[in-house]
């Protein structure tokens, strides 16, 4: 298709759309306001399963997407805790084969971001695994990362960003929703430098702000006997 034909079709169809307010972070905001349940939330369920395996999800409500700084601090915390979990929960306590923590900012519904670890485990170890994960959160909220842990996490994030920022898919997904999600272009561009400026204290304080008793949730699923 040549440029003239494309322009004509664009005018014909897109030009026929009625005028509407410009999309912003306030668009449909009333429909996205949902009260968050008061925690701590603790759910234990036994279900029919094909394999004799349990599962644990333990975490707390995290940052919103527009809370860019907090979201990045929690990303670094997740990196550090994932490494710790491999050492403590897998190697030392042998509660799980594979586990890691992740931080997911609230995208659609404000207040519903999450910081959590999820993993399958032996049914008899499920409760102990959930308790051990929560204890690791408590310790991290008090002491934060060590200097070595912080250095490793920053290097991991640098490598990740270096790859992501080169991909068209990354920019397409971010640029298409900047106004709607209330995130500025400058905030995207400053990510590599900002990650390097964070201190261990920054991470600990941000983690402690979100890891509160009323924000915690725990789900323990075991096979029905």
N, C-alpha and C. Protein backbone atom coordinates (compact mmCIF):
# COMPACT_ATOMS: atom_id res chain seq x y z
N UNK A 1 0.85 -1.19 0.00
CA UNK A 1 0.00 0.00 0.00
C UNK A 1 0.89 1.24 0.00
N UNK A 2 0.57 2.20 -0.87
CA UNK A 2 1.38 3.41 -0.91
C UNK A 2 0.90 4.41 0.13
N UNK A 3 1.69 5.46 0.31
CA UNK A 3 1.41 6.45 1.35
C UNK A 3 0.09 7.17 1.12
N UNK A 4 -0.21 7.50 -0.12
CA UNK A 4 -1.44 8.23 -0.42
C UNK A 4 -2.67 7.42 -0.03
N UNK A 5 -2.66 6.13 -0.35
CA UNK A 5 -3.80 5.28 -0.01
C UNK A 5 -3.93 5.12 1.50
N UNK A 6 -2.80 4.96 2.17
CA UNK A 6 -2.82 4.82 3.63
C UNK A 6 -3.36 6.08 4.29
N UNK A 7 -2.94 7.23 3.79
CA UNK A 7 -3.41 8.50 4.35
C UNK A 7 -4.92 8.66 4.13
N UNK A 8 -5.39 8.30 2.95
CA UNK A 8 -6.81 8.41 2.65
C UNK A 8 -7.64 7.52 3.57
N UNK A 9 -7.21 6.29 3.78
CA UNK A 9 -7.95 5.38 4.65
C UNK A 9 -7.92 5.84 6.10
N UNK A 10 -6.79 6.39 6.51
CA UNK A 10 -6.69 6.91 7.88
C UNK A 10 -7.67 8.05 8.10
N UNK A 11 -7.73 8.97 7.15
CA UNK A 11 -8.67 10.08 7.27
C UNK A 11 -10.11 9.59 7.27
N UNK A 12 -10.38 8.60 6.43
CA UNK A 12 -11.75 8.11 6.29
C UNK A 12 -12.25 7.44 7.56
N UNK A 13 -11.42 6.61 8.17
CA UNK A 13 -11.89 5.81 9.31
C UNK A 13 -11.53 6.44 10.66
N UNK A 14 -10.28 6.79 10.85
CA UNK A 14 -9.92 7.42 12.12
C UNK A 14 -10.50 8.83 12.21
N UNK A 15 -10.57 9.52 11.08
CA UNK A 15 -11.12 10.87 11.08
C UNK A 15 -12.61 10.90 11.36
N UNK A 16 -13.28 9.77 11.20
CA UNK A 16 -14.72 9.71 11.44
C UNK A 16 -15.06 9.48 12.90
N UNK A 17 -14.06 9.18 13.72
CA UNK A 17 -14.34 8.95 15.14
C UNK A 17 -14.77 10.25 15.81
N UNK A 18 -15.74 10.19 16.70
CA UNK A 18 -16.18 11.41 17.39
C UNK A 18 -15.10 11.92 18.34
N UNK A 19 -15.15 13.20 18.62
CA UNK A 19 -14.19 13.78 19.56
C UNK A 19 -14.43 13.21 20.95
N UNK A 20 -13.37 13.08 21.71
CA UNK A 20 -13.47 12.57 23.07
C UNK A 20 -12.35 13.17 23.91
N UNK A 21 -12.53 13.20 25.23
CA UNK A 21 -11.47 13.75 26.08
C UNK A 21 -10.17 12.95 25.92
N UNK A 22 -9.06 13.63 26.01
CA UNK A 22 -7.77 12.96 25.92
C UNK A 22 -7.60 11.99 27.09
N UNK A 23 -7.07 10.83 26.80
CA UNK A 23 -6.83 9.84 27.85
C UNK A 23 -5.79 10.36 28.83
N UNK A 24 -6.05 10.14 30.10
CA UNK A 24 -5.11 10.51 31.16
C UNK A 24 -5.19 9.46 32.25
N UNK A 25 -4.43 9.68 33.31
CA UNK A 25 -4.47 8.72 34.41
C UNK A 25 -5.77 8.80 35.20
N UNK A 26 -6.63 9.78 34.86
CA UNK A 26 -7.94 9.88 35.51
C UNK A 26 -9.03 9.14 34.72
N UNK A 27 -8.73 8.73 33.49
CA UNK A 27 -9.72 8.04 32.66
C UNK A 27 -10.16 6.74 33.32
N UNK A 28 -11.47 6.60 33.52
CA UNK A 28 -12.06 5.39 34.13
C UNK A 28 -11.55 5.13 35.54
N UNK A 29 -10.99 6.15 36.18
CA UNK A 29 -10.41 5.93 37.51
C UNK A 29 -11.45 5.49 38.53
N UNK A 30 -12.69 5.99 38.39
CA UNK A 30 -13.73 5.60 39.35
C UNK A 30 -14.04 4.11 39.26
N UNK A 31 -13.87 3.53 38.08
CA UNK A 31 -14.15 2.11 37.90
C UNK A 31 -13.01 1.23 38.42
N UNK A 32 -11.87 1.86 38.69
CA UNK A 32 -10.71 1.09 39.15
C UNK A 32 -10.47 1.23 40.64
N UNK A 33 -11.38 1.89 41.34
CA UNK A 33 -11.23 2.08 42.78
C UNK A 33 -11.95 0.95 43.52
N UNK A 34 -11.19 0.02 44.05
CA UNK A 34 -11.74 -1.13 44.76
C UNK A 34 -11.12 -1.18 46.16
N UNK A 35 -11.95 -1.27 47.20
CA UNK A 35 -11.40 -1.35 48.56
C UNK A 35 -10.52 -2.59 48.71
N UNK A 36 -9.38 -2.41 49.32
CA UNK A 36 -8.48 -3.54 49.54
C UNK A 36 -8.83 -4.23 50.85
N UNK A 37 -8.86 -5.54 50.88
CA UNK A 37 -9.20 -6.23 52.13
C UNK A 37 -8.15 -5.99 53.20
N UNK A 38 -8.60 -5.93 54.43
CA UNK A 38 -7.69 -5.72 55.56
C UNK A 38 -7.03 -7.04 55.94
N UNK A 39 -5.74 -7.01 56.05
CA UNK A 39 -5.00 -8.21 56.43
C UNK A 39 -4.66 -8.23 57.90
N UNK A 40 -3.88 -9.20 58.32
CA UNK A 40 -3.28 -10.23 57.48
C UNK A 40 -4.31 -11.24 56.97
N UNK A 41 -4.17 -11.61 55.70
CA UNK A 41 -5.05 -12.60 55.07
C UNK A 41 -4.36 -13.95 55.12
N UNK A 42 -5.03 -14.94 55.66
CA UNK A 42 -4.46 -16.28 55.73
C UNK A 42 -5.50 -17.28 55.26
N UNK A 43 -5.17 -18.00 54.20
CA UNK A 43 -6.09 -18.97 53.61
C UNK A 43 -5.40 -20.32 53.50
N UNK A 44 -6.04 -21.34 54.02
CA UNK A 44 -5.54 -22.70 53.88
C UNK A 44 -6.63 -23.56 53.28
N UNK A 45 -6.32 -24.22 52.18
CA UNK A 45 -7.32 -25.03 51.49
C UNK A 45 -6.73 -26.38 51.11
N UNK A 46 -7.59 -27.40 51.21
CA UNK A 46 -7.24 -28.72 50.70
C UNK A 46 -8.09 -28.98 49.47
N UNK A 47 -7.45 -29.37 48.38
CA UNK A 47 -8.16 -29.55 47.12
C UNK A 47 -7.78 -30.89 46.50
N UNK A 48 -8.62 -31.35 45.59
CA UNK A 48 -8.30 -32.57 44.85
C UNK A 48 -7.17 -32.28 43.86
N UNK A 49 -6.16 -33.12 43.86
CA UNK A 49 -5.02 -32.91 42.98
C UNK A 49 -4.65 -34.21 42.26
N UNK A 50 -3.98 -34.06 41.14
CA UNK A 50 -3.51 -35.23 40.40
C UNK A 50 -2.18 -35.74 40.95
N UNK A 51 -1.45 -34.86 41.61
CA UNK A 51 -0.16 -35.24 42.20
C UNK A 51 -0.16 -34.84 43.67
N UNK A 52 0.56 -35.57 44.51
CA UNK A 52 0.61 -35.25 45.94
C UNK A 52 1.54 -34.08 46.23
N UNK A 53 1.11 -32.91 45.84
CA UNK A 53 1.96 -31.73 45.96
C UNK A 53 1.17 -30.56 46.51
N UNK A 54 1.81 -29.80 47.39
CA UNK A 54 1.19 -28.59 47.92
C UNK A 54 1.76 -27.36 47.24
N UNK A 55 1.24 -26.20 47.60
CA UNK A 55 1.73 -24.94 47.04
C UNK A 55 1.57 -23.84 48.07
N UNK A 56 2.50 -22.90 48.04
CA UNK A 56 2.50 -21.79 49.00
C UNK A 56 2.67 -20.47 48.25
N UNK A 57 1.87 -19.50 48.63
CA UNK A 57 2.03 -18.11 48.18
C UNK A 57 2.05 -17.25 49.42
N UNK A 58 3.14 -16.53 49.64
CA UNK A 58 3.26 -15.68 50.83
C UNK A 58 3.84 -14.34 50.43
N UNK A 59 3.16 -13.27 50.84
CA UNK A 59 3.65 -11.95 50.48
C UNK A 59 2.84 -10.84 51.10
N UNK A 60 2.86 -9.68 50.44
CA UNK A 60 2.12 -8.52 50.94
C UNK A 60 1.80 -7.61 49.76
N UNK A 61 0.83 -6.72 49.97
CA UNK A 61 0.46 -5.78 48.92
C UNK A 61 1.59 -4.78 48.71
N UNK A 62 1.94 -4.56 47.44
CA UNK A 62 3.09 -3.73 47.12
C UNK A 62 2.74 -2.38 46.53
N UNK A 63 3.65 -1.87 45.70
CA UNK A 63 3.54 -0.51 45.18
C UNK A 63 2.62 -0.45 43.97
N UNK A 64 2.12 0.75 43.69
CA UNK A 64 1.39 1.01 42.45
C UNK A 64 2.40 1.32 41.34
N UNK A 65 1.99 1.18 40.10
CA UNK A 65 2.88 1.44 38.97
C UNK A 65 3.40 2.88 38.99
N UNK A 66 2.55 3.81 39.37
CA UNK A 66 2.97 5.21 39.34
C UNK A 66 3.95 5.55 40.47
N UNK A 67 4.03 4.69 41.48
CA UNK A 67 5.03 4.87 42.54
C UNK A 67 6.35 4.28 42.05
N UNK A 68 6.94 4.96 41.08
CA UNK A 68 8.07 4.40 40.35
C UNK A 68 9.25 4.10 41.26
N UNK A 69 9.58 5.04 42.12
CA UNK A 69 10.75 4.84 42.99
C UNK A 69 10.55 3.64 43.90
N UNK A 70 9.39 3.56 44.55
CA UNK A 70 9.14 2.43 45.44
C UNK A 70 9.14 1.11 44.67
N UNK A 71 8.58 1.13 43.47
CA UNK A 71 8.56 -0.09 42.67
C UNK A 71 9.96 -0.58 42.35
N UNK A 72 10.85 0.34 42.06
CA UNK A 72 12.23 -0.06 41.75
C UNK A 72 12.97 -0.54 42.99
N UNK A 73 12.71 0.08 44.10
CA UNK A 73 13.33 -0.39 45.34
C UNK A 73 12.87 -1.81 45.68
N UNK A 74 11.60 -2.07 45.48
CA UNK A 74 11.08 -3.41 45.74
C UNK A 74 11.61 -4.42 44.72
N UNK A 75 11.89 -3.98 43.51
CA UNK A 75 12.52 -4.87 42.53
C UNK A 75 13.89 -5.35 43.02
N UNK A 76 14.67 -4.42 43.58
CA UNK A 76 15.98 -4.80 44.11
C UNK A 76 15.83 -5.72 45.31
N UNK A 77 14.85 -5.42 46.16
CA UNK A 77 14.60 -6.29 47.32
C UNK A 77 14.26 -7.70 46.86
N UNK A 78 13.47 -7.81 45.81
CA UNK A 78 13.09 -9.13 45.29
C UNK A 78 14.30 -9.89 44.78
N UNK A 79 15.23 -9.19 44.15
CA UNK A 79 16.45 -9.84 43.67
C UNK A 79 17.25 -10.41 44.84
N UNK A 80 17.42 -9.61 45.86
CA UNK A 80 18.20 -10.05 47.02
C UNK A 80 17.52 -11.23 47.71
N UNK A 81 16.23 -11.10 47.94
CA UNK A 81 15.52 -12.16 48.66
C UNK A 81 15.45 -13.45 47.85
N UNK A 82 15.39 -13.36 46.55
CA UNK A 82 15.38 -14.58 45.73
C UNK A 82 16.66 -15.38 45.94
N UNK A 83 17.78 -14.67 45.99
CA UNK A 83 19.06 -15.35 46.24
C UNK A 83 19.09 -15.95 47.64
N UNK A 84 18.61 -15.20 48.61
CA UNK A 84 18.58 -15.72 49.98
C UNK A 84 17.68 -16.95 50.09
N UNK A 85 16.55 -16.92 49.42
CA UNK A 85 15.61 -18.03 49.50
C UNK A 85 16.21 -19.32 48.95
N UNK A 86 16.97 -19.20 47.88
CA UNK A 86 17.63 -20.38 47.34
C UNK A 86 18.57 -20.99 48.36
N UNK A 87 19.31 -20.14 49.06
CA UNK A 87 20.27 -20.63 50.06
C UNK A 87 19.56 -21.17 51.29
N UNK A 88 18.64 -20.40 51.84
CA UNK A 88 18.04 -20.74 53.13
C UNK A 88 16.93 -21.79 52.99
N UNK A 89 16.01 -21.54 52.07
CA UNK A 89 14.83 -22.40 51.99
C UNK A 89 15.09 -23.69 51.21
N UNK A 90 15.94 -23.61 50.22
CA UNK A 90 16.23 -24.82 49.44
C UNK A 90 17.41 -25.59 50.01
N UNK A 91 18.55 -24.93 50.13
CA UNK A 91 19.77 -25.65 50.50
C UNK A 91 19.83 -25.97 51.99
N UNK A 92 19.52 -24.99 52.83
CA UNK A 92 19.66 -25.20 54.27
C UNK A 92 18.47 -25.95 54.87
N UNK A 93 17.27 -25.46 54.65
CA UNK A 93 16.09 -26.05 55.28
C UNK A 93 15.42 -27.13 54.43
N UNK A 94 15.77 -27.18 53.16
CA UNK A 94 15.22 -28.19 52.24
C UNK A 94 13.69 -28.23 52.27
N UNK A 95 13.11 -27.04 52.21
CA UNK A 95 11.65 -26.92 52.21
C UNK A 95 11.07 -26.86 50.80
N UNK A 96 11.92 -26.63 49.82
CA UNK A 96 11.43 -26.40 48.46
C UNK A 96 12.55 -26.67 47.48
N UNK A 97 12.17 -27.03 46.26
CA UNK A 97 13.19 -27.26 45.24
C UNK A 97 13.59 -25.95 44.56
N UNK A 98 12.61 -25.12 44.25
CA UNK A 98 12.90 -23.87 43.57
C UNK A 98 11.92 -22.80 44.04
N UNK A 99 12.45 -21.62 44.36
CA UNK A 99 11.59 -20.53 44.83
C UNK A 99 12.29 -19.20 44.59
N UNK A 100 11.52 -18.16 44.45
CA UNK A 100 12.05 -16.81 44.32
C UNK A 100 10.96 -15.82 44.62
N UNK A 101 11.33 -14.59 44.91
CA UNK A 101 10.35 -13.55 45.19
C UNK A 101 10.27 -12.61 44.00
N UNK A 102 9.13 -11.95 43.85
CA UNK A 102 8.95 -11.00 42.76
C UNK A 102 8.06 -9.86 43.22
N UNK A 103 8.25 -8.72 42.59
CA UNK A 103 7.44 -7.54 42.88
C UNK A 103 6.67 -7.16 41.62
N UNK A 104 5.35 -7.09 41.74
CA UNK A 104 4.49 -6.72 40.62
C UNK A 104 3.69 -5.48 41.00
N UNK A 105 3.96 -4.33 40.38
CA UNK A 105 3.21 -3.12 40.74
C UNK A 105 1.76 -3.21 40.31
N UNK A 106 0.90 -2.50 41.04
CA UNK A 106 -0.52 -2.46 40.68
C UNK A 106 -0.68 -1.71 39.37
N UNK A 107 -1.26 -2.36 38.39
CA UNK A 107 -1.40 -1.77 37.06
C UNK A 107 -2.81 -1.24 36.83
N UNK A 108 -3.81 -2.07 37.05
CA UNK A 108 -5.20 -1.69 36.78
C UNK A 108 -5.88 -1.16 38.03
N UNK A 109 -5.71 -1.85 39.14
CA UNK A 109 -6.40 -1.49 40.38
C UNK A 109 -5.41 -0.97 41.41
N UNK A 110 -5.40 0.34 41.67
CA UNK A 110 -4.48 0.91 42.64
C UNK A 110 -4.60 0.24 44.00
N UNK A 111 -3.47 0.04 44.64
CA UNK A 111 -3.45 -0.58 45.96
C UNK A 111 -3.28 -2.08 45.93
N UNK A 112 -3.30 -2.67 44.74
CA UNK A 112 -3.23 -4.13 44.63
C UNK A 112 -1.93 -4.62 44.01
N UNK A 113 -0.86 -3.85 44.17
CA UNK A 113 0.44 -4.39 43.80
C UNK A 113 0.78 -5.54 44.73
N UNK A 114 1.75 -6.34 44.35
CA UNK A 114 2.09 -7.47 45.20
C UNK A 114 3.59 -7.71 45.23
N UNK A 115 4.05 -8.11 46.39
CA UNK A 115 5.41 -8.61 46.57
C UNK A 115 5.24 -9.99 47.18
N UNK A 116 5.68 -11.02 46.49
CA UNK A 116 5.35 -12.37 46.96
C UNK A 116 6.35 -13.40 46.47
N UNK A 117 6.33 -14.52 47.17
CA UNK A 117 7.05 -15.72 46.75
C UNK A 117 6.03 -16.83 46.61
N UNK A 118 6.17 -17.62 45.56
CA UNK A 118 5.24 -18.72 45.33
C UNK A 118 6.04 -19.93 44.88
N UNK A 119 5.65 -21.11 45.38
CA UNK A 119 6.38 -22.32 45.02
C UNK A 119 5.59 -23.56 45.38
N UNK A 120 5.76 -24.63 44.61
CA UNK A 120 5.22 -25.93 45.02
C UNK A 120 6.12 -26.54 46.08
N UNK A 121 5.56 -27.41 46.89
CA UNK A 121 6.35 -28.05 47.94
C UNK A 121 5.66 -29.32 48.40
N UNK A 122 6.37 -30.10 49.19
CA UNK A 122 5.77 -31.28 49.81
C UNK A 122 4.65 -30.82 50.73
N UNK A 123 3.49 -31.47 50.71
CA UNK A 123 2.37 -31.02 51.56
C UNK A 123 2.72 -30.90 53.03
N UNK A 124 3.57 -31.79 53.51
CA UNK A 124 3.94 -31.73 54.92
C UNK A 124 4.85 -30.57 55.27
N UNK A 125 5.41 -29.92 54.25
CA UNK A 125 6.31 -28.80 54.48
C UNK A 125 5.67 -27.45 54.16
N UNK A 126 4.43 -27.46 53.71
CA UNK A 126 3.80 -26.23 53.22
C UNK A 126 3.69 -25.15 54.29
N UNK A 127 3.20 -25.52 55.46
CA UNK A 127 3.04 -24.53 56.53
C UNK A 127 4.39 -23.99 56.97
N UNK A 128 5.38 -24.87 57.07
CA UNK A 128 6.72 -24.44 57.47
C UNK A 128 7.33 -23.52 56.43
N UNK A 129 7.08 -23.79 55.16
CA UNK A 129 7.61 -22.94 54.10
C UNK A 129 7.00 -21.55 54.17
N UNK A 130 5.69 -21.46 54.35
CA UNK A 130 5.03 -20.16 54.45
C UNK A 130 5.59 -19.36 55.62
N UNK A 131 5.76 -20.02 56.76
CA UNK A 131 6.29 -19.34 57.95
C UNK A 131 7.73 -18.88 57.72
N UNK A 132 8.52 -19.70 57.04
CA UNK A 132 9.92 -19.35 56.80
C UNK A 132 10.03 -18.16 55.85
N UNK A 133 9.18 -18.11 54.84
CA UNK A 133 9.18 -16.97 53.92
C UNK A 133 8.83 -15.68 54.67
N UNK A 134 7.81 -15.74 55.49
CA UNK A 134 7.40 -14.56 56.25
C UNK A 134 8.48 -14.12 57.23
N UNK A 135 9.19 -15.06 57.81
CA UNK A 135 10.29 -14.71 58.70
C UNK A 135 11.40 -14.01 57.93
N UNK A 136 11.67 -14.43 56.71
CA UNK A 136 12.68 -13.76 55.89
C UNK A 136 12.26 -12.33 55.57
N UNK A 137 10.98 -12.12 55.34
CA UNK A 137 10.49 -10.76 55.12
C UNK A 137 10.73 -9.90 56.36
N UNK A 138 10.43 -10.45 57.52
CA UNK A 138 10.60 -9.70 58.77
C UNK A 138 12.06 -9.30 58.98
N UNK A 139 12.96 -10.24 58.74
CA UNK A 139 14.39 -9.96 58.90
C UNK A 139 14.84 -8.90 57.90
N UNK A 140 14.38 -9.01 56.67
CA UNK A 140 14.79 -8.04 55.65
C UNK A 140 14.27 -6.65 55.97
N UNK A 141 13.06 -6.55 56.49
CA UNK A 141 12.50 -5.25 56.85
C UNK A 141 13.30 -4.58 57.97
N UNK A 142 13.95 -5.38 58.79
CA UNK A 142 14.75 -4.84 59.90
C UNK A 142 16.17 -4.47 59.47
N UNK A 143 16.75 -5.29 58.61
CA UNK A 143 18.18 -5.13 58.33
C UNK A 143 18.52 -4.81 56.87
N UNK A 144 17.61 -5.10 55.95
CA UNK A 144 17.88 -4.80 54.56
C UNK A 144 18.97 -5.68 53.96
N UNK A 145 19.48 -5.30 52.79
CA UNK A 145 20.51 -6.10 52.14
C UNK A 145 21.91 -5.78 52.66
N UNK A 146 22.81 -6.72 52.51
CA UNK A 146 24.22 -6.45 52.81
C UNK A 146 24.82 -5.69 51.63
N UNK A 147 25.98 -5.04 51.84
CA UNK A 147 26.61 -4.35 50.71
C UNK A 147 26.89 -5.26 49.52
N UNK A 148 27.33 -6.48 49.78
CA UNK A 148 27.59 -7.42 48.68
C UNK A 148 26.31 -7.79 47.95
N UNK A 149 25.24 -8.04 48.71
CA UNK A 149 23.96 -8.38 48.09
C UNK A 149 23.46 -7.23 47.22
N UNK A 150 23.63 -6.01 47.70
CA UNK A 150 23.17 -4.84 46.95
C UNK A 150 23.96 -4.70 45.65
N UNK A 151 25.27 -4.92 45.72
CA UNK A 151 26.11 -4.81 44.53
C UNK A 151 25.70 -5.83 43.47
N UNK A 152 25.42 -7.05 43.91
CA UNK A 152 25.01 -8.10 42.97
C UNK A 152 23.65 -7.76 42.35
N UNK A 153 22.71 -7.31 43.18
CA UNK A 153 21.37 -6.97 42.68
C UNK A 153 21.43 -5.83 41.67
N UNK A 154 22.26 -4.83 41.94
CA UNK A 154 22.40 -3.71 41.00
C UNK A 154 22.99 -4.18 39.67
N UNK A 155 23.96 -5.06 39.74
CA UNK A 155 24.56 -5.58 38.51
C UNK A 155 23.54 -6.37 37.70
N UNK A 156 22.75 -7.19 38.40
CA UNK A 156 21.70 -7.95 37.72
C UNK A 156 20.71 -7.01 37.04
N UNK A 157 20.32 -5.95 37.73
CA UNK A 157 19.35 -5.02 37.16
C UNK A 157 19.95 -4.25 35.98
N UNK A 158 21.22 -3.90 36.07
CA UNK A 158 21.89 -3.23 34.96
C UNK A 158 21.87 -4.09 33.71
N UNK A 159 22.20 -5.36 33.88
CA UNK A 159 22.20 -6.27 32.73
C UNK A 159 20.80 -6.45 32.15
N UNK A 160 19.81 -6.56 33.04
CA UNK A 160 18.43 -6.72 32.57
C UNK A 160 17.96 -5.50 31.79
N UNK A 161 18.21 -4.31 32.33
CA UNK A 161 17.78 -3.09 31.66
C UNK A 161 18.51 -2.90 30.34
N UNK A 162 19.78 -3.26 30.31
CA UNK A 162 20.57 -3.12 29.09
C UNK A 162 19.94 -3.92 27.95
N UNK A 163 19.41 -5.09 28.28
CA UNK A 163 18.76 -5.91 27.26
C UNK A 163 17.36 -5.38 26.93
N UNK A 164 16.59 -5.04 27.96
CA UNK A 164 15.20 -4.62 27.74
C UNK A 164 15.11 -3.33 26.94
N UNK A 165 15.97 -2.36 27.26
CA UNK A 165 15.88 -1.06 26.61
C UNK A 165 16.26 -1.10 25.14
N UNK A 166 16.79 -2.21 24.68
CA UNK A 166 17.14 -2.35 23.27
C UNK A 166 16.01 -2.94 22.43
N UNK A 167 14.97 -3.41 23.09
CA UNK A 167 13.93 -4.14 22.36
C UNK A 167 12.75 -3.25 21.99
N UNK A 168 12.26 -3.33 20.77
CA UNK A 168 11.08 -2.55 20.37
C UNK A 168 9.84 -2.88 21.20
N UNK A 169 9.70 -4.14 21.58
CA UNK A 169 8.52 -4.54 22.36
C UNK A 169 8.44 -3.79 23.68
N UNK A 170 9.59 -3.57 24.32
CA UNK A 170 9.60 -2.83 25.58
C UNK A 170 9.05 -1.43 25.38
N UNK A 171 9.58 -0.73 24.38
CA UNK A 171 9.17 0.65 24.15
C UNK A 171 7.73 0.73 23.66
N UNK A 172 7.32 -0.22 22.86
CA UNK A 172 5.93 -0.23 22.39
C UNK A 172 4.96 -0.36 23.56
N UNK A 173 5.25 -1.28 24.46
CA UNK A 173 4.34 -1.50 25.59
C UNK A 173 4.32 -0.32 26.54
N UNK A 174 5.47 0.32 26.74
CA UNK A 174 5.52 1.46 27.67
C UNK A 174 4.94 2.72 27.06
N UNK A 175 5.32 3.04 25.84
CA UNK A 175 4.87 4.28 25.23
C UNK A 175 3.37 4.29 24.95
N UNK A 176 2.79 3.12 24.73
CA UNK A 176 1.37 3.05 24.40
C UNK A 176 0.47 3.36 25.59
N UNK A 177 1.01 3.33 26.79
CA UNK A 177 0.17 3.54 27.97
C UNK A 177 0.72 4.59 28.94
N UNK A 178 1.66 5.40 28.50
CA UNK A 178 2.27 6.38 29.41
C UNK A 178 1.23 7.28 30.06
N UNK A 179 0.40 7.93 29.25
CA UNK A 179 -0.58 8.87 29.79
C UNK A 179 -1.61 8.15 30.66
N UNK A 180 -2.06 7.01 30.20
CA UNK A 180 -3.11 6.27 30.91
C UNK A 180 -2.62 5.79 32.27
N UNK A 181 -1.38 5.39 32.36
CA UNK A 181 -0.85 4.86 33.61
C UNK A 181 -0.19 5.93 34.48
N UNK A 182 -0.07 7.14 33.97
CA UNK A 182 0.49 8.22 34.77
C UNK A 182 1.98 8.13 34.99
N UNK A 183 2.69 7.56 34.04
CA UNK A 183 4.15 7.44 34.13
C UNK A 183 4.77 8.26 33.01
N UNK A 184 5.78 9.08 33.35
CA UNK A 184 6.40 9.94 32.37
C UNK A 184 7.56 9.28 31.64
N UNK A 185 7.86 9.79 30.46
CA UNK A 185 8.97 9.25 29.68
C UNK A 185 10.30 9.42 30.40
N UNK A 186 10.47 10.55 31.08
CA UNK A 186 11.72 10.78 31.81
C UNK A 186 11.94 9.71 32.87
N UNK A 187 10.86 9.26 33.49
CA UNK A 187 10.99 8.23 34.52
C UNK A 187 11.49 6.92 33.94
N UNK A 188 11.12 6.63 32.72
CA UNK A 188 11.65 5.44 32.06
C UNK A 188 13.12 5.59 31.74
N UNK A 189 13.49 6.75 31.22
CA UNK A 189 14.86 6.97 30.78
C UNK A 189 15.85 7.03 31.94
N UNK A 190 15.39 7.45 33.10
CA UNK A 190 16.31 7.58 34.23
C UNK A 190 16.47 6.29 35.02
N UNK A 191 15.81 5.22 34.62
CA UNK A 191 15.85 3.98 35.39
C UNK A 191 17.26 3.46 35.65
N UNK A 192 18.12 3.32 34.63
CA UNK A 192 19.45 2.77 34.91
C UNK A 192 20.23 3.57 35.95
N UNK A 193 20.20 4.89 35.83
CA UNK A 193 20.94 5.72 36.78
C UNK A 193 20.33 5.66 38.17
N UNK A 194 19.00 5.65 38.25
CA UNK A 194 18.36 5.64 39.56
C UNK A 194 18.65 4.35 40.32
N UNK A 195 18.62 3.24 39.63
CA UNK A 195 18.92 1.97 40.30
C UNK A 195 20.31 2.00 40.94
N UNK A 196 21.26 2.63 40.27
CA UNK A 196 22.62 2.67 40.81
C UNK A 196 22.75 3.60 42.01
N UNK A 197 21.84 4.54 42.16
CA UNK A 197 21.90 5.50 43.26
C UNK A 197 21.29 4.98 44.55
N UNK A 198 20.49 3.94 44.47
CA UNK A 198 19.81 3.44 45.66
C UNK A 198 20.80 2.86 46.67
N UNK A 199 20.51 3.08 47.94
CA UNK A 199 21.33 2.53 49.02
C UNK A 199 20.59 1.38 49.69
N UNK A 200 21.34 0.64 50.51
CA UNK A 200 20.70 -0.43 51.27
C UNK A 200 19.62 0.11 52.19
N UNK A 201 19.86 1.28 52.74
CA UNK A 201 18.86 1.88 53.62
C UNK A 201 17.59 2.24 52.84
N UNK A 202 17.76 2.76 51.63
CA UNK A 202 16.59 3.07 50.80
C UNK A 202 15.72 1.82 50.61
N UNK A 203 16.37 0.71 50.31
CA UNK A 203 15.63 -0.53 50.05
C UNK A 203 14.95 -1.03 51.31
N UNK A 204 15.67 -1.02 52.41
CA UNK A 204 15.09 -1.50 53.67
C UNK A 204 13.88 -0.66 54.07
N UNK A 205 14.00 0.65 53.98
CA UNK A 205 12.90 1.52 54.40
C UNK A 205 11.67 1.34 53.50
N UNK A 206 11.89 1.22 52.21
CA UNK A 206 10.75 1.00 51.30
C UNK A 206 10.09 -0.34 51.58
N UNK A 207 10.89 -1.36 51.78
CA UNK A 207 10.36 -2.69 52.06
C UNK A 207 9.52 -2.67 53.34
N UNK A 208 10.03 -2.01 54.36
CA UNK A 208 9.32 -1.96 55.64
C UNK A 208 8.01 -1.17 55.54
N UNK A 209 7.95 -0.19 54.66
CA UNK A 209 6.71 0.58 54.49
C UNK A 209 5.58 -0.29 53.95
N UNK A 210 5.93 -1.24 53.12
CA UNK A 210 4.90 -2.09 52.51
C UNK A 210 4.67 -3.38 53.28
N UNK A 211 5.71 -3.94 53.87
CA UNK A 211 5.56 -5.20 54.59
C UNK A 211 5.04 -4.92 56.00
N UNK A 212 3.75 -4.67 56.07
CA UNK A 212 3.08 -4.42 57.35
C UNK A 212 2.10 -5.57 57.61
N UNK A 213 1.79 -5.84 58.87
CA UNK A 213 0.87 -6.96 59.18
C UNK A 213 -0.45 -6.87 58.43
N UNK A 214 -1.01 -5.67 58.33
CA UNK A 214 -2.31 -5.52 57.68
C UNK A 214 -2.23 -5.66 56.16
N UNK A 215 -1.02 -5.71 55.61
CA UNK A 215 -0.86 -5.85 54.16
C UNK A 215 -0.44 -7.26 53.74
N UNK A 216 -0.20 -8.11 54.70
CA UNK A 216 0.31 -9.45 54.37
C UNK A 216 -0.81 -10.40 53.94
N UNK A 217 -0.41 -11.35 53.09
CA UNK A 217 -1.33 -12.44 52.72
C UNK A 217 -0.54 -13.74 52.61
N UNK A 218 -1.26 -14.82 52.91
CA UNK A 218 -0.66 -16.16 52.87
C UNK A 218 -1.70 -17.16 52.36
N UNK A 219 -1.32 -17.93 51.36
CA UNK A 219 -2.19 -18.99 50.83
C UNK A 219 -1.41 -20.31 50.86
N UNK A 220 -1.97 -21.28 51.54
CA UNK A 220 -1.35 -22.61 51.63
C UNK A 220 -2.34 -23.63 51.07
N UNK A 221 -1.96 -24.27 50.00
CA UNK A 221 -2.82 -25.25 49.33
C UNK A 221 -2.20 -26.64 49.46
N UNK A 222 -2.98 -27.59 49.94
CA UNK A 222 -2.50 -28.97 50.09
C UNK A 222 -3.50 -29.94 49.46
N UNK A 223 -3.04 -31.13 49.10
CA UNK A 223 -3.95 -32.12 48.53
C UNK A 223 -4.96 -32.61 49.55
N UNK A 224 -6.16 -32.87 49.10
CA UNK A 224 -7.17 -33.44 49.99
C UNK A 224 -6.86 -34.92 50.19
N UNK A 225 -6.82 -35.33 51.44
CA UNK A 225 -6.47 -36.72 51.75
C UNK A 225 -7.67 -37.64 51.62
